[in-house]
Amino acid sequence: GKIQASFNYSDGKIFVFYEFQGDKIKDYEVEVK
């Protein structure tokens, strides 16, 4: 499903924070736009 994300800007860098529900032992392909 859609993943809620938050972000902060500091010194030319953007920090994006997110979490989602799923199986901990499985691999996921995560993309950020």
PDB file of all heavy atoms in Angstrom:
ATOM      1  N   GLY A   1       0.820  -1.194   0.000  1.00  0.00           N
ATOM      2  CA  GLY A   1       0.000   0.000   0.000  1.00  0.00           C
ATOM      3  C   GLY A   1       0.862   1.255   0.000  1.00  0.00           C
ATOM      4  O   GLY A   1       2.080   1.196   0.046  1.00  0.00           O
ATOM      5  N   LYS A   2       0.223   2.408  -0.053  1.00  0.00           N
ATOM      6  CA  LYS A   2       0.948   3.672   0.003  1.00  0.00           C
ATOM      7  C   LYS A   2       1.701   3.761   1.328  1.00  0.00           C
ATOM      8  O   LYS A   2       1.197   3.369   2.369  1.00  0.00           O
ATOM      9  CB  LYS A   2      -0.007   4.853  -0.112  1.00  0.00           C
ATOM     10  CG  LYS A   2      -0.505   5.076  -1.507  1.00  0.00           C
ATOM     11  CD  LYS A   2       0.569   5.699  -2.333  1.00  0.00           C
ATOM     12  CE  LYS A   2       0.046   6.052  -3.701  1.00  0.00           C
ATOM     13  NZ  LYS A   2       1.061   6.591  -4.552  1.00  0.00           N
ATOM     14  N   ILE A   3       2.879   4.318   1.266  1.00  0.00           N
ATOM     15  CA  ILE A   3       3.724   4.429   2.447  1.00  0.00           C
ATOM     16  C   ILE A   3       3.814   5.898   2.837  1.00  0.00           C
ATOM     17  O   ILE A   3       4.167   6.745   2.008  1.00  0.00           O
ATOM     18  CB  ILE A   3       5.129   3.861   2.160  1.00  0.00           C
ATOM     19  CG1 ILE A   3       5.018   2.378   1.816  1.00  0.00           C
ATOM     20  CG2 ILE A   3       6.042   4.080   3.349  1.00  0.00           C
ATOM     21  CD1 ILE A   3       6.311   1.765   1.345  1.00  0.00           C
ATOM     22  N   GLN A   4       3.491   6.189   4.072  1.00  0.00           N
ATOM     23  CA  GLN A   4       3.591   7.551   4.574  1.00  0.00           C
ATOM     24  C   GLN A   4       5.057   7.872   4.846  1.00  0.00           C
ATOM     25  O   GLN A   4       5.769   7.081   5.452  1.00  0.00           O
ATOM     26  CB  GLN A   4       2.780   7.712   5.861  1.00  0.00           C
ATOM     27  CG  GLN A   4       1.291   7.525   5.673  1.00  0.00           C
ATOM     28  CD  GLN A   4       0.692   8.605   4.794  1.00  0.00           C
ATOM     29  OE1 GLN A   4       1.093   9.761   4.848  1.00  0.00           O
ATOM     30  NE2 GLN A   4      -0.267   8.227   3.978  1.00  0.00           N
ATOM     31  N   ALA A   5       5.500   9.021   4.375  1.00  0.00           N
ATOM     32  CA  ALA A   5       6.891   9.416   4.560  1.00  0.00           C
ATOM     33  C   ALA A   5       6.952  10.845   5.069  1.00  0.00           C
ATOM     34  O   ALA A   5       6.119  11.676   4.742  1.00  0.00           O
ATOM     35  CB  ALA A   5       7.651   9.298   3.249  1.00  0.00           C
ATOM     36  N   SER A   6       7.967  11.128   5.873  1.00  0.00           N
ATOM     37  CA  SER A   6       8.236  12.489   6.315  1.00  0.00           C
ATOM     38  C   SER A   6       9.680  12.810   5.955  1.00  0.00           C
ATOM     39  O   SER A   6      10.470  11.910   5.666  1.00  0.00           O
ATOM     40  CB  SER A   6       8.005  12.621   7.821  1.00  0.00           C
ATOM     41  OG  SER A   6       8.883  11.755   8.519  1.00  0.00           O
ATOM     42  N   PHE A   7      10.022  14.106   5.956  1.00  0.00           N
ATOM     43  CA  PHE A   7      11.391  14.451   5.583  1.00  0.00           C
ATOM     44  C   PHE A   7      11.843  15.727   6.288  1.00  0.00           C
ATOM     45  O   PHE A   7      11.039  16.543   6.723  1.00  0.00           O
ATOM     46  CB  PHE A   7      11.515  14.609   4.070  1.00  0.00           C
ATOM     47  CG  PHE A   7      10.705  15.718   3.470  1.00  0.00           C
ATOM     48  CD1 PHE A   7      11.272  16.957   3.230  1.00  0.00           C
ATOM     49  CD2 PHE A   7       9.376  15.520   3.125  1.00  0.00           C
ATOM     50  CE1 PHE A   7      10.530  17.984   2.673  1.00  0.00           C
ATOM     51  CE2 PHE A   7       8.629  16.533   2.564  1.00  0.00           C
ATOM     52  CZ  PHE A   7       9.205  17.779   2.335  1.00  0.00           C
ATOM     53  N   ASN A   8      13.165  15.866   6.400  1.00  0.00           N
ATOM     54  CA  ASN A   8      13.814  17.048   6.950  1.00  0.00           C
ATOM     55  C   ASN A   8      14.945  17.451   6.018  1.00  0.00           C
ATOM     56  O   ASN A   8      15.555  16.599   5.375  1.00  0.00           O
ATOM     57  CB  ASN A   8      14.412  16.774   8.334  1.00  0.00           C
ATOM     58  CG  ASN A   8      13.360  16.464   9.372  1.00  0.00           C
ATOM     59  OD1 ASN A   8      12.277  17.025   9.338  1.00  0.00           O
ATOM     60  ND2 ASN A   8      13.682  15.571  10.284  1.00  0.00           N
ATOM     61  N   TYR A   9      15.251  18.758   5.991  1.00  0.00           N
ATOM     62  CA  TYR A   9      16.354  19.265   5.177  1.00  0.00           C
ATOM     63  C   TYR A   9      17.423  19.833   6.103  1.00  0.00           C
ATOM     64  O   TYR A   9      17.114  20.566   7.051  1.00  0.00           O
ATOM     65  CB  TYR A   9      15.853  20.349   4.220  1.00  0.00           C
ATOM     66  CG  TYR A   9      16.964  21.014   3.450  1.00  0.00           C
ATOM     67  CD1 TYR A   9      17.521  20.394   2.343  1.00  0.00           C
ATOM     68  CD2 TYR A   9      17.456  22.248   3.844  1.00  0.00           C
ATOM     69  CE1 TYR A   9      18.553  20.994   1.634  1.00  0.00           C
ATOM     70  CE2 TYR A   9      18.483  22.870   3.136  1.00  0.00           C
ATOM     71  CZ  TYR A   9      19.024  22.229   2.040  1.00  0.00           C
ATOM     72  OH  TYR A   9      20.051  22.821   1.343  1.00  0.00           O
ATOM     73  N   SER A  10      18.694  19.488   5.805  1.00  0.00           N
ATOM     74  CA  SER A  10      19.791  20.015   6.602  1.00  0.00           C
ATOM     75  C   SER A  10      21.089  19.922   5.811  1.00  0.00           C
ATOM     76  O   SER A  10      21.455  18.837   5.349  1.00  0.00           O
ATOM     77  CB  SER A  10      19.914  19.237   7.912  1.00  0.00           C
ATOM     78  OG  SER A  10      21.037  19.681   8.643  1.00  0.00           O
ATOM     79  N   ASP A  11      21.782  21.052   5.654  1.00  0.00           N
ATOM     80  CA  ASP A  11      23.116  21.110   5.038  1.00  0.00           C
ATOM     81  C   ASP A  11      23.204  20.423   3.679  1.00  0.00           C
ATOM     82  O   ASP A  11      24.088  19.598   3.442  1.00  0.00           O
ATOM     83  CB  ASP A  11      24.173  20.511   5.978  1.00  0.00           C
ATOM     84  CG  ASP A  11      24.292  21.279   7.285  1.00  0.00           C
ATOM     85  OD1 ASP A  11      24.129  22.520   7.252  1.00  0.00           O
ATOM     86  OD2 ASP A  11      24.543  20.637   8.324  1.00  0.00           O
ATOM     87  N   GLY A  12      22.289  20.727   2.775  1.00  0.00           N
ATOM     88  CA  GLY A  12      22.346  20.169   1.426  1.00  0.00           C
ATOM     89  C   GLY A  12      21.914  18.721   1.339  1.00  0.00           C
ATOM     90  O   GLY A  12      22.115  18.074   0.314  1.00  0.00           O
ATOM     91  N   LYS A  13      21.314  18.200   2.411  1.00  0.00           N
ATOM     92  CA  LYS A  13      20.830  16.821   2.414  1.00  0.00           C
ATOM     93  C   LYS A  13      19.376  16.802   2.857  1.00  0.00           C
ATOM     94  O   LYS A  13      18.957  17.591   3.702  1.00  0.00           O
ATOM     95  CB  LYS A  13      21.643  15.949   3.373  1.00  0.00           C
ATOM     96  CG  LYS A  13      23.080  15.773   2.972  1.00  0.00           C
ATOM     97  CD  LYS A  13      23.808  14.906   3.980  1.00  0.00           C
ATOM     98  CE  LYS A  13      25.278  14.788   3.598  1.00  0.00           C
ATOM     99  NZ  LYS A  13      26.011  14.007   4.580  1.00  0.00           N
ATOM    100  N   ILE A  14      18.636  15.882   2.258  1.00  0.00           N
ATOM    101  CA  ILE A  14      17.252  15.667   2.682  1.00  0.00           C
ATOM    102  C   ILE A  14      17.187  14.273   3.297  1.00  0.00           C
ATOM    103  O   ILE A  14      17.642  13.289   2.704  1.00  0.00           O
ATOM    104  CB  ILE A  14      16.275  15.791   1.503  1.00  0.00           C
ATOM    105  CG1 ILE A  14      16.288  17.222   0.964  1.00  0.00           C
ATOM    106  CG2 ILE A  14      14.875  15.384   1.934  1.00  0.00           C
ATOM    107  CD1 ILE A  14      15.387  17.454  -0.216  1.00  0.00           C
ATOM    108  N   PHE A  15      16.623  14.193   4.491  1.00  0.00           N
ATOM    109  CA  PHE A  15      16.467  12.928   5.202  1.00  0.00           C
ATOM    110  C   PHE A  15      15.002  12.513   5.108  1.00  0.00           C
ATOM    111  O   PHE A  15      14.120  13.240   5.562  1.00  0.00           O
ATOM    112  CB  PHE A  15      16.878  13.086   6.672  1.00  0.00           C
ATOM    113  CG  PHE A  15      18.312  13.522   6.836  1.00  0.00           C
ATOM    114  CD1 PHE A  15      18.643  14.869   6.946  1.00  0.00           C
ATOM    115  CD2 PHE A  15      19.332  12.577   6.860  1.00  0.00           C
ATOM    116  CE1 PHE A  15      19.956  15.276   7.088  1.00  0.00           C
ATOM    117  CE2 PHE A  15      20.653  12.966   7.001  1.00  0.00           C
ATOM    118  CZ  PHE A  15      20.971  14.321   7.115  1.00  0.00           C
ATOM    119  N   VAL A  16      14.757  11.357   4.505  1.00  0.00           N
ATOM    120  CA  VAL A  16      13.401  10.845   4.318  1.00  0.00           C
ATOM    121  C   VAL A  16      13.204   9.690   5.289  1.00  0.00           C
ATOM    122  O   VAL A  16      14.023   8.756   5.350  1.00  0.00           O
ATOM    123  CB  VAL A  16      13.181  10.359   2.869  1.00  0.00           C
ATOM    124  CG1 VAL A  16      11.766   9.845   2.680  1.00  0.00           C
ATOM    125  CG2 VAL A  16      13.503  11.463   1.876  1.00  0.00           C
ATOM    126  N   PHE A  17      12.104   9.735   6.051  1.00  0.00           N
ATOM    127  CA  PHE A  17      11.795   8.693   7.034  1.00  0.00           C
ATOM    128  C   PHE A  17      10.497   8.005   6.628  1.00  0.00           C
ATOM    129  O   PHE A  17       9.517   8.678   6.288  1.00  0.00           O
ATOM    130  CB  PHE A  17      11.634   9.311   8.424  1.00  0.00           C
ATOM    131  CG  PHE A  17      12.838  10.102   8.860  1.00  0.00           C
ATOM    132  CD1 PHE A  17      12.875  11.487   8.712  1.00  0.00           C
ATOM    133  CD2 PHE A  17      13.941   9.462   9.397  1.00  0.00           C
ATOM    134  CE1 PHE A  17      13.976  12.221   9.096  1.00  0.00           C
ATOM    135  CE2 PHE A  17      15.053  10.191   9.797  1.00  0.00           C
ATOM    136  CZ  PHE A  17      15.079  11.563   9.641  1.00  0.00           C
ATOM    137  N   TYR A  18      10.488   6.670   6.682  1.00  0.00           N
ATOM    138  CA  TYR A  18       9.290   5.907   6.335  1.00  0.00           C
ATOM    139  C   TYR A  18       9.298   4.566   7.055  1.00  0.00           C
ATOM    140  O   TYR A  18      10.335   4.112   7.537  1.00  0.00           O
ATOM    141  CB  TYR A  18       9.200   5.681   4.819  1.00  0.00           C
ATOM    142  CG  TYR A  18      10.213   4.690   4.287  1.00  0.00           C
ATOM    143  CD1 TYR A  18       9.901   3.327   4.182  1.00  0.00           C
ATOM    144  CD2 TYR A  18      11.480   5.087   3.909  1.00  0.00           C
ATOM    145  CE1 TYR A  18      10.827   2.415   3.716  1.00  0.00           C
ATOM    146  CE2 TYR A  18      12.414   4.191   3.432  1.00  0.00           C
ATOM    147  CZ  TYR A  18      12.078   2.852   3.336  1.00  0.00           C
ATOM    148  OH  TYR A  18      13.000   1.948   2.880  1.00  0.00           O
ATOM    149  N   GLU A  19       8.124   3.954   7.120  1.00  0.00           N
ATOM    150  CA  GLU A  19       7.993   2.581   7.598  1.00  0.00           C
ATOM    151  C   GLU A  19       6.734   1.984   6.990  1.00  0.00           C
ATOM    152  O   GLU A  19       5.807   2.703   6.617  1.00  0.00           O
ATOM    153  CB  GLU A  19       7.986   2.492   9.122  1.00  0.00           C
ATOM    154  CG  GLU A  19       6.881   3.214   9.832  1.00  0.00           C
ATOM    155  CD  GLU A  19       7.015   3.087  11.348  1.00  0.00           C
ATOM    156  OE1 GLU A  19       6.872   1.962  11.870  1.00  0.00           O
ATOM    157  OE2 GLU A  19       7.251   4.119  11.993  1.00  0.00           O
ATOM    158  N   PHE A  20       6.730   0.658   6.853  1.00  0.00           N
ATOM    159  CA  PHE A  20       5.570  -0.037   6.311  1.00  0.00           C
ATOM    160  C   PHE A  20       5.469  -1.425   6.918  1.00  0.00           C
ATOM    161  O   PHE A  20       6.448  -1.975   7.416  1.00  0.00           O
ATOM    162  CB  PHE A  20       5.619  -0.102   4.778  1.00  0.00           C
ATOM    163  CG  PHE A  20       6.758  -0.933   4.228  1.00  0.00           C
ATOM    164  CD1 PHE A  20       6.578  -2.269   3.902  1.00  0.00           C
ATOM    165  CD2 PHE A  20       7.998  -0.362   4.042  1.00  0.00           C
ATOM    166  CE1 PHE A  20       7.624  -3.020   3.404  1.00  0.00           C
ATOM    167  CE2 PHE A  20       9.047  -1.102   3.540  1.00  0.00           C
ATOM    168  CZ  PHE A  20       8.865  -2.432   3.215  1.00  0.00           C
ATOM    169  N   GLN A  21       4.248  -1.968   6.884  1.00  0.00           N
ATOM    170  CA  GLN A  21       3.980  -3.296   7.427  1.00  0.00           C
ATOM    171  C   GLN A  21       4.307  -4.353   6.380  1.00  0.00           C
ATOM    172  O   GLN A  21       3.982  -4.186   5.208  1.00  0.00           O
ATOM    173  CB  GLN A  21       2.503  -3.423   7.828  1.00  0.00           C
ATOM    174  CG  GLN A  21       2.064  -2.422   8.863  1.00  0.00           C
ATOM    175  CD  GLN A  21       2.784  -2.616  10.186  1.00  0.00           C
ATOM    176  OE1 GLN A  21       2.950  -3.726  10.650  1.00  0.00           O
ATOM    177  NE2 GLN A  21       3.239  -1.526  10.776  1.00  0.00           N
ATOM    178  N   GLY A  22       4.923  -5.422   6.787  1.00  0.00           N
ATOM    179  CA  GLY A  22       5.250  -6.506   5.877  1.00  0.00           C
ATOM    180  C   GLY A  22       5.985  -7.607   6.624  1.00  0.00           C
ATOM    181  O   GLY A  22       6.181  -7.547   7.840  1.00  0.00           O
ATOM    182  N   ASP A  23       6.407  -8.611   5.895  1.00  0.00           N
ATOM    183  CA  ASP A  23       7.143  -9.730   6.467  1.00  0.00           C
ATOM    184  C   ASP A  23       8.608  -9.344   6.634  1.00  0.00           C
ATOM    185  O   ASP A  23       9.279  -8.995   5.661  1.00  0.00           O
ATOM    186  CB  ASP A  23       7.004 -10.952   5.542  1.00  0.00           C
ATOM    187  CG  ASP A  23       7.462 -12.232   6.196  1.00  0.00           C
ATOM    188  OD1 ASP A  23       8.129 -12.174   7.260  1.00  0.00           O
ATOM    189  OD2 ASP A  23       7.165 -13.311   5.644  1.00  0.00           O
ATOM    190  N   LYS A  24       9.122  -9.415   7.850  1.00  0.00           N
ATOM    191  CA  LYS A  24      10.484  -8.978   8.146  1.00  0.00           C
ATOM    192  C   LYS A  24      11.557  -9.776   7.415  1.00  0.00           C
ATOM    193  O   LYS A  24      12.635  -9.261   7.146  1.00  0.00           O
ATOM    194  CB  LYS A  24      10.758  -9.074   9.648  1.00  0.00           C
ATOM    195  CG  LYS A  24      10.030  -8.079  10.475  1.00  0.00           C
ATOM    196  CD  LYS A  24      10.387  -8.267  11.942  1.00  0.00           C
ATOM    197  CE  LYS A  24       9.636  -7.287  12.811  1.00  0.00           C
ATOM    198  NZ  LYS A  24      10.006  -7.411  14.211  1.00  0.00           N
ATOM    199  N   ILE A  25      11.268 -11.022   7.096  1.00  0.00           N
ATOM    200  CA  ILE A  25      12.308 -11.854   6.478  1.00  0.00           C
ATOM    201  C   ILE A  25      12.331 -11.755   4.954  1.00  0.00           C
ATOM    202  O   ILE A  25      13.224 -12.287   4.320  1.00  0.00           O
ATOM    203  CB  ILE A  25      12.170 -13.335   6.902  1.00  0.00           C
ATOM    204  CG1 ILE A  25      10.827 -13.901   6.460  1.00  0.00           C
ATOM    205  CG2 ILE A  25      12.360 -13.477   8.395  1.00  0.00           C
ATOM    206  CD1 ILE A  25      10.717 -15.401   6.650  1.00  0.00           C
ATOM    207  N   LYS A  26      11.357 -11.067   4.374  1.00  0.00           N
ATOM    208  CA  LYS A  26      11.298 -10.949   2.910  1.00  0.00           C
ATOM    209  C   LYS A  26      12.018  -9.697   2.429  1.00  0.00           C
ATOM    210  O   LYS A  26      12.091  -8.700   3.137  1.00  0.00           O
ATOM    211  CB  LYS A  26       9.849 -10.932   2.432  1.00  0.00           C
ATOM    212  CG  LYS A  26       9.174 -12.272   2.664  1.00  0.00           C
ATOM    213  CD  LYS A  26       7.838 -12.313   2.016  1.00  0.00           C
ATOM    214  CE  LYS A  26       7.224 -13.693   2.242  1.00  0.00           C
ATOM    215  NZ  LYS A  26       5.936 -13.827   1.613  1.00  0.00           N
ATOM    216  N   ASP A  27      12.530  -9.777   1.198  1.00  0.00           N
ATOM    217  CA  ASP A  27      13.189  -8.635   0.568  1.00  0.00           C
ATOM    218  C   ASP A  27      12.165  -7.768  -0.153  1.00  0.00           C
ATOM    219  O   ASP A  27      11.191  -8.277  -0.710  1.00  0.00           O
ATOM    220  CB  ASP A  27      14.236  -9.104  -0.445  1.00  0.00           C
ATOM    221  CG  ASP A  27      15.487  -9.633   0.230  1.00  0.00           C
ATOM    222  OD1 ASP A  27      15.800  -9.190   1.346  1.00  0.00           O
ATOM    223  OD2 ASP A  27      16.164 -10.499  -0.365  1.00  0.00           O
ATOM    224  N   TYR A  28      12.420  -6.473  -0.148  1.00  0.00           N
ATOM    225  CA  TYR A  28      11.565  -5.503  -0.816  1.00  0.00           C
ATOM    226  C   TYR A  28      12.423  -4.591  -1.681  1.00  0.00           C
ATOM    227  O   TYR A  28      13.581  -4.322  -1.362  1.00  0.00           O
ATOM    228  CB  TYR A  28      10.797  -4.656   0.205  1.00  0.00           C
ATOM    229  CG  TYR A  28       9.777  -5.456   0.979  1.00  0.00           C
ATOM    230  CD1 TYR A  28      10.134  -6.151   2.123  1.00  0.00           C
ATOM    231  CD2 TYR A  28       8.456  -5.512   0.557  1.00  0.00           C
ATOM    232  CE1 TYR A  28       9.203  -6.895   2.827  1.00  0.00           C
ATOM    233  CE2 TYR A  28       7.516  -6.248   1.261  1.00  0.00           C
ATOM    234  CZ  TYR A  28       7.896  -6.934   2.393  1.00  0.00           C
ATOM    235  OH  TYR A  28       6.969  -7.665   3.079  1.00  0.00           O
ATOM    236  N   GLU A  29      11.836  -4.120  -2.767  1.00  0.00           N
ATOM    237  CA  GLU A  29      12.463  -3.111  -3.619  1.00  0.00           C
ATOM    238  C   GLU A  29      11.805  -1.780  -3.269  1.00  0.00           C
ATOM    239  O   GLU A  29      10.612  -1.588  -3.512  1.00  0.00           O
ATOM    240  CB  GLU A  29      12.248  -3.441  -5.097  1.00  0.00           C
ATOM    241  CG  GLU A  29      12.740  -2.393  -6.053  1.00  0.00           C
ATOM    242  CD  GLU A  29      14.252  -2.327  -6.163  1.00  0.00           C
ATOM    243  OE1 GLU A  29      14.908  -3.364  -5.977  1.00  0.00           O
ATOM    244  OE2 GLU A  29      14.760  -1.227  -6.419  1.00  0.00           O
ATOM    245  N   VAL A  30      12.576  -0.863  -2.684  1.00  0.00           N
ATOM    246  CA  VAL A  30      12.058   0.429  -2.245  1.00  0.00           C
ATOM    247  C   VAL A  30      12.555   1.510  -3.187  1.00  0.00           C
ATOM    248  O   VAL A  30      13.747   1.597  -3.480  1.00  0.00           O
ATOM    249  CB  VAL A  30      12.493   0.737  -0.796  1.00  0.00           C
ATOM    250  CG1 VAL A  30      12.086   2.147  -0.394  1.00  0.00           C
ATOM    251  CG2 VAL A  30      11.886  -0.275   0.161  1.00  0.00           C
ATOM    252  N   GLU A  31      11.618   2.325  -3.691  1.00  0.00           N
ATOM    253  CA  GLU A  31      11.930   3.451  -4.562  1.00  0.00           C
ATOM    254  C   GLU A  31      11.395   4.732  -3.939  1.00  0.00           C
ATOM    255  O   GLU A  31      10.343   4.724  -3.294  1.00  0.00           O
ATOM    256  CB  GLU A  31      11.297   3.270  -5.939  1.00  0.00           C
ATOM    257  CG  GLU A  31      11.878   2.124  -6.733  1.00  0.00           C
ATOM    258  CD  GLU A  31      11.242   1.998  -8.112  1.00  0.00           C
ATOM    259  OE1 GLU A  31      10.253   2.709  -8.396  1.00  0.00           O
ATOM    260  OE2 GLU A  31      11.736   1.180  -8.894  1.00  0.00           O
ATOM    261  N   VAL A  32      12.121   5.815  -4.168  1.00  0.00           N
ATOM    262  CA  VAL A  32      11.743   7.123  -3.637  1.00  0.00           C
ATOM    263  C   VAL A  32      11.656   8.107  -4.801  1.00  0.00           C
ATOM    264  O   VAL A  32      12.588   8.197  -5.610  1.00  0.00           O
ATOM    265  CB  VAL A  32      12.778   7.611  -2.601  1.00  0.00           C
ATOM    266  CG1 VAL A  32      12.434   9.013  -2.119  1.00  0.00           C
ATOM    267  CG2 VAL A  32      12.875   6.646  -1.435  1.00  0.00           C
ATOM    268  N   LYS A  33      10.539   8.827  -4.862  1.00  0.00           N
ATOM    269  CA  LYS A  33      10.340   9.861  -5.888  1.00  0.00           C
ATOM    270  C   LYS A  33       9.825  11.115  -5.197  1.00  0.00           C
ATOM    271  O   LYS A  33       9.012  11.034  -4.275  1.00  0.00           O
ATOM    272  CB  LYS A  33       9.324   9.417  -6.933  1.00  0.00           C
ATOM    273  CG  LYS A  33       9.746   8.212  -7.731  1.00  0.00           C
ATOM    274  CD  LYS A  33       8.651   7.781  -8.687  1.00  0.00           C
ATOM    275  CE  LYS A  33       9.045   6.495  -9.388  1.00  0.00           C
ATOM    276  NZ  LYS A  33       7.968   5.959 -10.194  1.00  0.00           N
TER     277      LYS A  33
END
